[in-house]
């Protein structure tokens, strides 16, 4: 009887530990990121004053990245591919948002295999309405917000049908109307700012 009780207790603890790990590493990131109380929405088409970045005739693509966030780390290879593919036609920037400047510009550039500007400024996120990482913001050459949202519906950006950020870039470069995206593209998923917590 005592042995069965210990076995039942051990199995219960094991199940609880697996559940906690699943929540911390998977399930919580499949839920939309909670909208902060002080959030100010920024509409698509709104004029964006990018004090950080000089504008030329190229659109600006800002990748919001938190090195503490698993979702940010998982999509880094996809962002690197976008930089390589469109870097001659789009000005890519990375905005690092975490608790403190614990990484250097060089470390971030190395992670993305690109020598592009890196900023440590949460105000840039507020200016385009970003409150989660990873997120993308695409600003057209007239400094208007063209797209703000997710990269893909999958964590590793493996679903070519839902490469939302890439579709937005393609559409802007072809001078077509912004694509009509579903809620998965536009609702924030991932890690809340400034910490990688829900």
C-alpha atoms as a PDB file:
ATOM      1  CA  UNK A   1       0.000   0.000   0.000  1.00  0.00           C
ATOM      2  CA  UNK A   2       2.802   2.392   0.969  1.00  0.00           C
ATOM      3  CA  UNK A   3       4.673   1.543  -2.209  1.00  0.00           C
ATOM      4  CA  UNK A   4       1.578   2.320  -4.347  1.00  0.00           C
ATOM      5  CA  UNK A   5       1.124   5.626  -2.543  1.00  0.00           C
ATOM      6  CA  UNK A   6       4.756   6.605  -3.141  1.00  0.00           C
ATOM      7  CA  UNK A   7       4.509   5.573  -6.785  1.00  0.00           C
ATOM      8  CA  UNK A   8       1.315   7.625  -7.214  1.00  0.00           C
ATOM      9  CA  UNK A   9       2.951  10.620  -5.531  1.00  0.00           C
ATOM     10  CA  UNK A  10       6.059  10.290  -7.696  1.00  0.00           C
ATOM     11  CA  UNK A  11       3.975  10.052 -10.904  1.00  0.00           C
ATOM     12  CA  UNK A  12       1.927  13.093  -9.826  1.00  0.00           C
ATOM     13  CA  UNK A  13       5.112  15.108  -9.250  1.00  0.00           C
ATOM     14  CA  UNK A  14       6.518  13.987 -12.594  1.00  0.00           C
ATOM     15  CA  UNK A  15       3.297  14.986 -14.383  1.00  0.00           C
ATOM     16  CA  UNK A  16       3.292  18.371 -12.621  1.00  0.00           C
ATOM     17  CA  UNK A  17       6.933  18.993 -13.602  1.00  0.00           C
ATOM     18  CA  UNK A  18       6.234  18.097 -17.247  1.00  0.00           C
ATOM     19  CA  UNK A  19       3.173  20.381 -17.250  1.00  0.00           C
ATOM     20  CA  UNK A  20       5.184  23.297 -15.869  1.00  0.00           C
ATOM     21  CA  UNK A  21       7.931  22.762 -18.455  1.00  0.00           C
ATOM     22  CA  UNK A  22       5.375  22.555 -21.259  1.00  0.00           C
ATOM     23  CA  UNK A  23       3.777  25.820 -20.070  1.00  0.00           C
ATOM     24  CA  UNK A  24       7.096  27.646 -19.724  1.00  0.00           C
ATOM     25  CA  UNK A  25       8.526  26.478 -23.048  1.00  0.00           C
ATOM     26  CA  UNK A  26       5.569  26.028 -25.368  1.00  0.00           C
ATOM     27  CA  UNK A  27       1.967  26.735 -24.482  1.00  0.00           C
ATOM     28  CA  UNK A  28       2.286  30.245 -23.034  1.00  0.00           C
ATOM     29  CA  UNK A  29       3.793  31.439 -26.323  1.00  0.00           C
ATOM     30  CA  UNK A  30       0.877  30.067 -28.353  1.00  0.00           C
ATOM     31  CA  UNK A  31      -1.436  32.514 -26.549  1.00  0.00           C
ATOM     32  CA  UNK A  32      -1.704  36.160 -27.586  1.00  0.00           C
ATOM     33  CA  UNK A  33       0.572  38.476 -25.636  1.00  0.00           C
ATOM     34  CA  UNK A  34      -1.479  40.455 -23.095  1.00  0.00           C
ATOM     35  CA  UNK A  35      -1.951  44.076 -24.112  1.00  0.00           C
ATOM     36  CA  UNK A  36      -0.317  46.412 -21.567  1.00  0.00           C
ATOM     37  CA  UNK A  37      -2.596  48.789 -19.633  1.00  0.00           C
ATOM     38  CA  UNK A  38      -0.750  51.854 -20.914  1.00  0.00           C
ATOM     39  CA  UNK A  39      -0.688  50.655 -24.544  1.00  0.00           C
ATOM     40  CA  UNK A  40      -1.355  53.275 -27.210  1.00  0.00           C
ATOM     41  CA  UNK A  41      -2.394  51.740 -30.517  1.00  0.00           C
ATOM     42  CA  UNK A  42      -0.691  52.955 -33.687  1.00  0.00           C
ATOM     43  CA  UNK A  43      -2.769  52.476 -36.816  1.00  0.00           C
ATOM     44  CA  UNK A  44      -1.437  51.193 -40.108  1.00  0.00           C
ATOM     45  CA  UNK A  45      -0.878  54.236 -42.294  1.00  0.00           C
ATOM     46  CA  UNK A  46       0.078  56.456 -39.349  1.00  0.00           C
ATOM     47  CA  UNK A  47       3.064  58.764 -39.836  1.00  0.00           C
ATOM     48  CA  UNK A  48       6.034  57.459 -37.846  1.00  0.00           C
ATOM     49  CA  UNK A  49       8.739  59.799 -36.611  1.00  0.00           C
ATOM     50  CA  UNK A  50      11.832  57.627 -36.449  1.00  0.00           C
ATOM     51  CA  UNK A  51      14.224  59.794 -34.476  1.00  0.00           C
ATOM     52  CA  UNK A  52      16.655  56.883 -34.417  1.00  0.00           C
ATOM     53  CA  UNK A  53      16.979  56.400 -38.114  1.00  0.00           C
ATOM     54  CA  UNK A  54      17.737  58.556 -41.072  1.00  0.00           C
ATOM     55  CA  UNK A  55      15.264  58.010 -43.868  1.00  0.00           C
ATOM     56  CA  UNK A  56      16.072  57.766 -47.534  1.00  0.00           C
ATOM     57  CA  UNK A  57      13.910  56.487 -50.357  1.00  0.00           C
ATOM     58  CA  UNK A  58      14.101  52.918 -49.081  1.00  0.00           C
ATOM     59  CA  UNK A  59      11.499  51.500 -46.721  1.00  0.00           C
ATOM     60  CA  UNK A  60      12.611  50.729 -43.158  1.00  0.00           C
ATOM     61  CA  UNK A  61      12.133  47.301 -41.613  1.00  0.00           C
ATOM     62  CA  UNK A  62      12.536  47.167 -37.826  1.00  0.00           C
ATOM     63  CA  UNK A  63      12.999  43.829 -36.118  1.00  0.00           C
ATOM     64  CA  UNK A  64      12.158  43.916 -32.393  1.00  0.00           C
ATOM     65  CA  UNK A  65      14.347  41.403 -30.610  1.00  0.00           C
ATOM     66  CA  UNK A  66      14.797  40.243 -27.022  1.00  0.00           C
ATOM     67  CA  UNK A  67      17.760  37.885 -26.516  1.00  0.00           C
ATOM     68  CA  UNK A  68      16.016  36.520 -23.383  1.00  0.00           C
ATOM     69  CA  UNK A  69      12.916  35.514 -25.367  1.00  0.00           C
ATOM     70  CA  UNK A  70      12.810  31.973 -26.807  1.00  0.00           C
ATOM     71  CA  UNK A  71      10.515  33.106 -29.621  1.00  0.00           C
ATOM     72  CA  UNK A  72      13.005  35.811 -30.615  1.00  0.00           C
ATOM     73  CA  UNK A  73      15.848  33.314 -30.655  1.00  0.00           C
ATOM     74  CA  UNK A  74      13.870  30.808 -32.726  1.00  0.00           C
ATOM     75  CA  UNK A  75      13.082  33.267 -35.511  1.00  0.00           C
ATOM     76  CA  UNK A  76      16.582  34.810 -35.793  1.00  0.00           C
ATOM     77  CA  UNK A  77      17.568  32.606 -38.791  1.00  0.00           C
ATOM     78  CA  UNK A  78      14.438  33.711 -40.662  1.00  0.00           C
ATOM     79  CA  UNK A  79      15.196  37.391 -40.008  1.00  0.00           C
ATOM     80  CA  UNK A  80      18.762  36.809 -41.214  1.00  0.00           C
ATOM     81  CA  UNK A  81      17.373  35.373 -44.469  1.00  0.00           C
ATOM     82  CA  UNK A  82      15.128  38.420 -44.946  1.00  0.00           C
ATOM     83  CA  UNK A  83      18.110  40.741 -44.423  1.00  0.00           C
ATOM     84  CA  UNK A  84      20.158  38.838 -47.013  1.00  0.00           C
ATOM     85  CA  UNK A  85      17.317  38.714 -49.520  1.00  0.00           C
ATOM     86  CA  UNK A  86      16.046  42.298 -49.268  1.00  0.00           C
ATOM     87  CA  UNK A  87      18.933  44.217 -47.679  1.00  0.00           C
ATOM     88  CA  UNK A  88      19.778  46.087 -50.866  1.00  0.00           C
ATOM     89  CA  UNK A  89      16.202  47.434 -51.200  1.00  0.00           C
ATOM     90  CA  UNK A  90      15.125  47.793 -47.557  1.00  0.00           C
ATOM     91  CA  UNK A  91      16.878  49.475 -44.607  1.00  0.00           C
ATOM     92  CA  UNK A  92      16.892  46.849 -41.872  1.00  0.00           C
ATOM     93  CA  UNK A  93      17.248  47.862 -38.222  1.00  0.00           C
ATOM     94  CA  UNK A  94      17.229  45.776 -35.069  1.00  0.00           C
ATOM     95  CA  UNK A  95      15.800  47.132 -31.835  1.00  0.00           C
ATOM     96  CA  UNK A  96      16.922  45.128 -28.809  1.00  0.00           C
ATOM     97  CA  UNK A  97      14.505  45.316 -25.922  1.00  0.00           C
ATOM     98  CA  UNK A  98      15.402  43.561 -22.718  1.00  0.00           C
ATOM     99  CA  UNK A  99      15.916  44.496 -19.098  1.00  0.00           C
ATOM    100  CA  UNK A 100      19.357  45.895 -19.561  1.00  0.00           C
ATOM    101  CA  UNK A 101      21.953  46.283 -22.265  1.00  0.00           C
ATOM    102  CA  UNK A 102      23.449  42.873 -21.565  1.00  0.00           C
ATOM    103  CA  UNK A 103      24.540  42.297 -25.153  1.00  0.00           C
ATOM    104  CA  UNK A 104      26.673  44.401 -27.438  1.00  0.00           C
ATOM    105  CA  UNK A 105      25.862  45.704 -30.893  1.00  0.00           C
ATOM    106  CA  UNK A 106      28.563  43.423 -32.310  1.00  0.00           C
ATOM    107  CA  UNK A 107      27.016  40.359 -30.631  1.00  0.00           C
ATOM    108  CA  UNK A 108      23.613  41.157 -32.141  1.00  0.00           C
ATOM    109  CA  UNK A 109      25.093  41.773 -35.595  1.00  0.00           C
ATOM    110  CA  UNK A 110      26.945  38.466 -35.354  1.00  0.00           C
ATOM    111  CA  UNK A 111      23.766  36.642 -34.300  1.00  0.00           C
ATOM    112  CA  UNK A 112      21.977  37.946 -37.404  1.00  0.00           C
ATOM    113  CA  UNK A 113      25.070  37.707 -39.624  1.00  0.00           C
ATOM    114  CA  UNK A 114      24.536  41.294 -40.755  1.00  0.00           C
ATOM    115  CA  UNK A 115      26.235  44.620 -40.135  1.00  0.00           C
ATOM    116  CA  UNK A 116      23.052  46.629 -39.740  1.00  0.00           C
ATOM    117  CA  UNK A 117      22.140  49.316 -37.196  1.00  0.00           C
ATOM    118  CA  UNK A 118      21.223  48.048 -33.722  1.00  0.00           C
ATOM    119  CA  UNK A 119      19.380  50.183 -31.164  1.00  0.00           C
ATOM    120  CA  UNK A 120      18.595  49.733 -27.480  1.00  0.00           C
ATOM    121  CA  UNK A 121      15.594  52.042 -27.299  1.00  0.00           C
ATOM    122  CA  UNK A 122      12.116  51.029 -26.068  1.00  0.00           C
ATOM    123  CA  UNK A 123      10.699  54.306 -27.358  1.00  0.00           C
ATOM    124  CA  UNK A 124      11.001  52.974 -30.913  1.00  0.00           C
ATOM    125  CA  UNK A 125       8.662  50.101 -29.963  1.00  0.00           C
ATOM    126  CA  UNK A 126       6.115  52.549 -28.541  1.00  0.00           C
ATOM    127  CA  UNK A 127       6.301  54.737 -31.635  1.00  0.00           C
ATOM    128  CA  UNK A 128       5.114  51.867 -33.859  1.00  0.00           C
ATOM    129  CA  UNK A 129       2.811  50.148 -31.343  1.00  0.00           C
ATOM    130  CA  UNK A 130       4.952  47.088 -30.566  1.00  0.00           C
ATOM    131  CA  UNK A 131       4.611  45.462 -27.128  1.00  0.00           C
ATOM    132  CA  UNK A 132       5.915  41.962 -27.805  1.00  0.00           C
ATOM    133  CA  UNK A 133       8.934  40.214 -29.271  1.00  0.00           C
ATOM    134  CA  UNK A 134       9.610  39.076 -31.886  1.00  0.00           C
ATOM    135  CA  UNK A 135       7.679  41.593 -33.950  1.00  0.00           C
ATOM    136  CA  UNK A 136       8.274  43.355 -37.241  1.00  0.00           C
ATOM    137  CA  UNK A 137       7.431  46.887 -38.310  1.00  0.00           C
ATOM    138  CA  UNK A 138       7.683  47.987 -41.917  1.00  0.00           C
ATOM    139  CA  UNK A 139       7.647  51.710 -42.662  1.00  0.00           C
ATOM    140  CA  UNK A 140       7.311  52.945 -46.221  1.00  0.00           C
ATOM    141  CA  UNK A 141       9.460  55.653 -47.800  1.00  0.00           C
ATOM    142  CA  UNK A 142       6.897  58.324 -46.856  1.00  0.00           C
ATOM    143  CA  UNK A 143       7.401  57.324 -43.182  1.00  0.00           C
ATOM    144  CA  UNK A 144       4.002  55.666 -42.815  1.00  0.00           C
ATOM    145  CA  UNK A 145       3.468  52.392 -40.982  1.00  0.00           C
ATOM    146  CA  UNK A 146       2.812  49.781 -43.652  1.00  0.00           C
ATOM    147  CA  UNK A 147       2.874  46.612 -41.528  1.00  0.00           C
ATOM    148  CA  UNK A 148       3.290  45.695 -37.881  1.00  0.00           C
ATOM    149  CA  UNK A 149       2.974  42.101 -36.833  1.00  0.00           C
ATOM    150  CA  UNK A 150       4.327  38.596 -36.749  1.00  0.00           C
ATOM    151  CA  UNK A 151       6.748  36.823 -39.017  1.00  0.00           C
ATOM    152  CA  UNK A 152       4.954  33.523 -39.346  1.00  0.00           C
ATOM    153  CA  UNK A 153       2.320  31.417 -37.598  1.00  0.00           C
ATOM    154  CA  UNK A 154       4.976  28.856 -36.655  1.00  0.00           C
ATOM    155  CA  UNK A 155       7.694  29.466 -34.109  1.00  0.00           C
ATOM    156  CA  UNK A 156      10.516  28.573 -36.504  1.00  0.00           C
ATOM    157  CA  UNK A 157       8.969  30.439 -39.471  1.00  0.00           C
ATOM    158  CA  UNK A 158       8.674  27.257 -41.501  1.00  0.00           C
ATOM    159  CA  UNK A 159       5.217  27.787 -43.031  1.00  0.00           C
ATOM    160  CA  UNK A 160       5.816  29.545 -46.359  1.00  0.00           C
ATOM    161  CA  UNK A 161       2.087  30.316 -46.672  1.00  0.00           C
ATOM    162  CA  UNK A 162       2.229  32.498 -43.553  1.00  0.00           C
ATOM    163  CA  UNK A 163       5.480  34.405 -44.027  1.00  0.00           C
ATOM    164  CA  UNK A 164       3.618  37.587 -43.083  1.00  0.00           C
ATOM    165  CA  UNK A 165       6.574  39.959 -42.777  1.00  0.00           C
ATOM    166  CA  UNK A 166       8.053  38.731 -46.046  1.00  0.00           C
ATOM    167  CA  UNK A 167       4.684  39.098 -47.784  1.00  0.00           C
ATOM    168  CA  UNK A 168       4.478  42.686 -46.513  1.00  0.00           C
ATOM    169  CA  UNK A 169       7.970  43.457 -47.847  1.00  0.00           C
ATOM    170  CA  UNK A 170       7.140  41.939 -51.247  1.00  0.00           C
ATOM    171  CA  UNK A 171       3.893  43.874 -51.459  1.00  0.00           C
ATOM    172  CA  UNK A 172       5.535  47.175 -50.543  1.00  0.00           C
ATOM    173  CA  UNK A 173       8.385  46.703 -53.004  1.00  0.00           C
ATOM    174  CA  UNK A 174       5.902  45.898 -55.779  1.00  0.00           C
ATOM    175  CA  UNK A 175       3.914  49.043 -54.841  1.00  0.00           C
ATOM    176  CA  UNK A 176       0.696  47.124 -54.358  1.00  0.00           C
ATOM    177  CA  UNK A 177      -1.859  47.626 -51.614  1.00  0.00           C
ATOM    178  CA  UNK A 178      -0.897  46.135 -48.274  1.00  0.00           C
ATOM    179  CA  UNK A 179      -2.000  42.501 -48.113  1.00  0.00           C
ATOM    180  CA  UNK A 180      -5.029  41.631 -46.036  1.00  0.00           C
ATOM    181  CA  UNK A 181      -3.742  39.576 -43.132  1.00  0.00           C
ATOM    182  CA  UNK A 182      -5.604  37.413 -40.650  1.00  0.00           C
ATOM    183  CA  UNK A 183      -5.485  37.806 -36.875  1.00  0.00           C
ATOM    184  CA  UNK A 184      -2.474  35.469 -36.595  1.00  0.00           C
ATOM    185  CA  UNK A 185      -0.411  37.997 -38.531  1.00  0.00           C
ATOM    186  CA  UNK A 186      -1.481  41.066 -36.609  1.00  0.00           C
ATOM    187  CA  UNK A 187      -2.144  39.923 -33.031  1.00  0.00           C
ATOM    188  CA  UNK A 188       1.024  39.945 -30.921  1.00  0.00           C
ATOM    189  CA  UNK A 189       2.406  36.579 -29.824  1.00  0.00           C
ATOM    190  CA  UNK A 190       5.649  35.877 -28.014  1.00  0.00           C
ATOM    191  CA  UNK A 191       7.233  37.641 -25.062  1.00  0.00           C
ATOM    192  CA  UNK A 192       5.863  40.749 -23.392  1.00  0.00           C
ATOM    193  CA  UNK A 193       8.081  43.801 -23.195  1.00  0.00           C
ATOM    194  CA  UNK A 194      10.390  44.494 -21.536  1.00  0.00           C
ATOM    195  CA  UNK A 195      10.807  41.053 -19.972  1.00  0.00           C
ATOM    196  CA  UNK A 196      10.421  37.617 -21.478  1.00  0.00           C
ATOM    197  CA  UNK A 197       7.411  36.847 -19.314  1.00  0.00           C
ATOM    198  CA  UNK A 198       3.693  36.662 -19.844  1.00  0.00           C
END
